[in-house]
Amino acid sequence: MSERPRFTLPMWTGIRLVPWLRVLARHGFRVSPARIPRAVGITLAGLGNEVLTPLQQLFWGRGIRAARIEQDPIVILGHWRSGTTLLHELLARDPRLVAPSTIQCAVPSHFVLSEQFATERLGFLLPARRPMDAMRMGFSRPQEDELALCNLGLPSPWWTVAFPADPPPDPDYETLDALSQAARDRWIAAWTGFLRAIQFEHPGRLVLKNPLHTYRVPLIRGVFPEADFIHITRDPHELVPSCLHFWRRISEDHGLQRPRTADLEDRVISSILRMDRRLEATWEAIPARHRHRLRYEDLVADPVGTLRRLYGHFGWPGGDEAEPRWREHLAAERAYRRNALPLDDRLRRRIASDLGEVLDRHGYPARSSSPATSSAKAAALE
């Protein structure tokens, strides 16, 4: 496990001041005393974002508004810690595909203006590896677009990272089904506006990774009828401990409150079950040519073969051109080893009981005892 960095740039640093103050007000300005400096830093950064955003609009606003999304995107679905990041990074190596980057999601209101400077000069503000799992970080690496929506000031369940002691925020923004038409239209406009800004700078088919999109398949298909969906699954016996570690660490590094952990296990298991049931209810409505399901375990064991089968299923061009880049990425990460996380008998029994339908649906057997030492491949990228 990597050492805790002395400083982690809060993921909310790119939000403008006025939306940030609205977010704070919505949570009653409940900031833990030890995290007040973090909140002050975000507030000061918000002032800068208020200056940079109109500058971008002045120079490039017309071009961004006129930009078009070239092709309906590829959307990676799956719960946090199920391998979505690995798949996203590999697909982003294809020169025909374009993934939202960390800097674009961090400062979505002015990255056309600031992206090059931040990438070239401000990389030291990020740790070299993600604190929760030691995967490489960088402003140019792929990122999930829910962060961009938060930094645009939209309501999102992802705000629970900032306010982990509050009740889960914005539950209607999981599926977006219960929103008024006006609220849904505002969300769609903000999301597609962000995607158009990426296309303004970076041509190519967008490949998006966002666990919360797993709830939103009907809405996404309404906006992008020809979108391709990839659902990646992972054995809950590995997924649950990884999620528990992930949420503890990310709330510590990016939260404005002392995280509550007493019911964390309940929340993780409920989230896995709720997300899987929602996708199961919407998956078959996607035409077969536009959907594909794969396992994290297969991706780790044979990443190139798995990607080739993926390209074959969808009929995507460019696999031969992308393969050397996949292999280059895998070679660069060969020394990476995922966290060794415990799974005791009590948690194993709970997974069998509470997530039995998920195990059955995706063909993962129940475990009666701790598995043997993982193979080298099983200890590879997460």
Foldseek 3Di string as FASTA:
>chain_A
DDDDDPAAQFLLLQAAQVLLVVVCVVVVVDFDPVLVVVVVNSNVSNPVLVVQLVVCCVPCVVLLVPFDQPAQAAEEAEDPPQCLQVVQQLVCLQLQEHAQFSLCLSNVRHCVPCVVVCQVPVQVNHPQADPLWRHGHGRGTHDANVSSCVSHSHWDLVCCLAVQVDPRTDPCVLQVPPDDPVSVVVSVCSSVSSVSNCCSPRPHHYYHYDHSCLNHVVVSCVVHVQYAYEYEGEDVLVVLQSVLSVSQVSSVNHYRYNHDNPCVSVVSLVVNVVSVVSNVVCVVVRPQLRYYYYYPLVCLVPVLVVVVVVCVSNVPPRSVVSVVSSVVVCVVQLPRFTDDGDRDPVNLVVCCVSVVVVCVVVVNDRDPDDDDDDDSSVRGDD
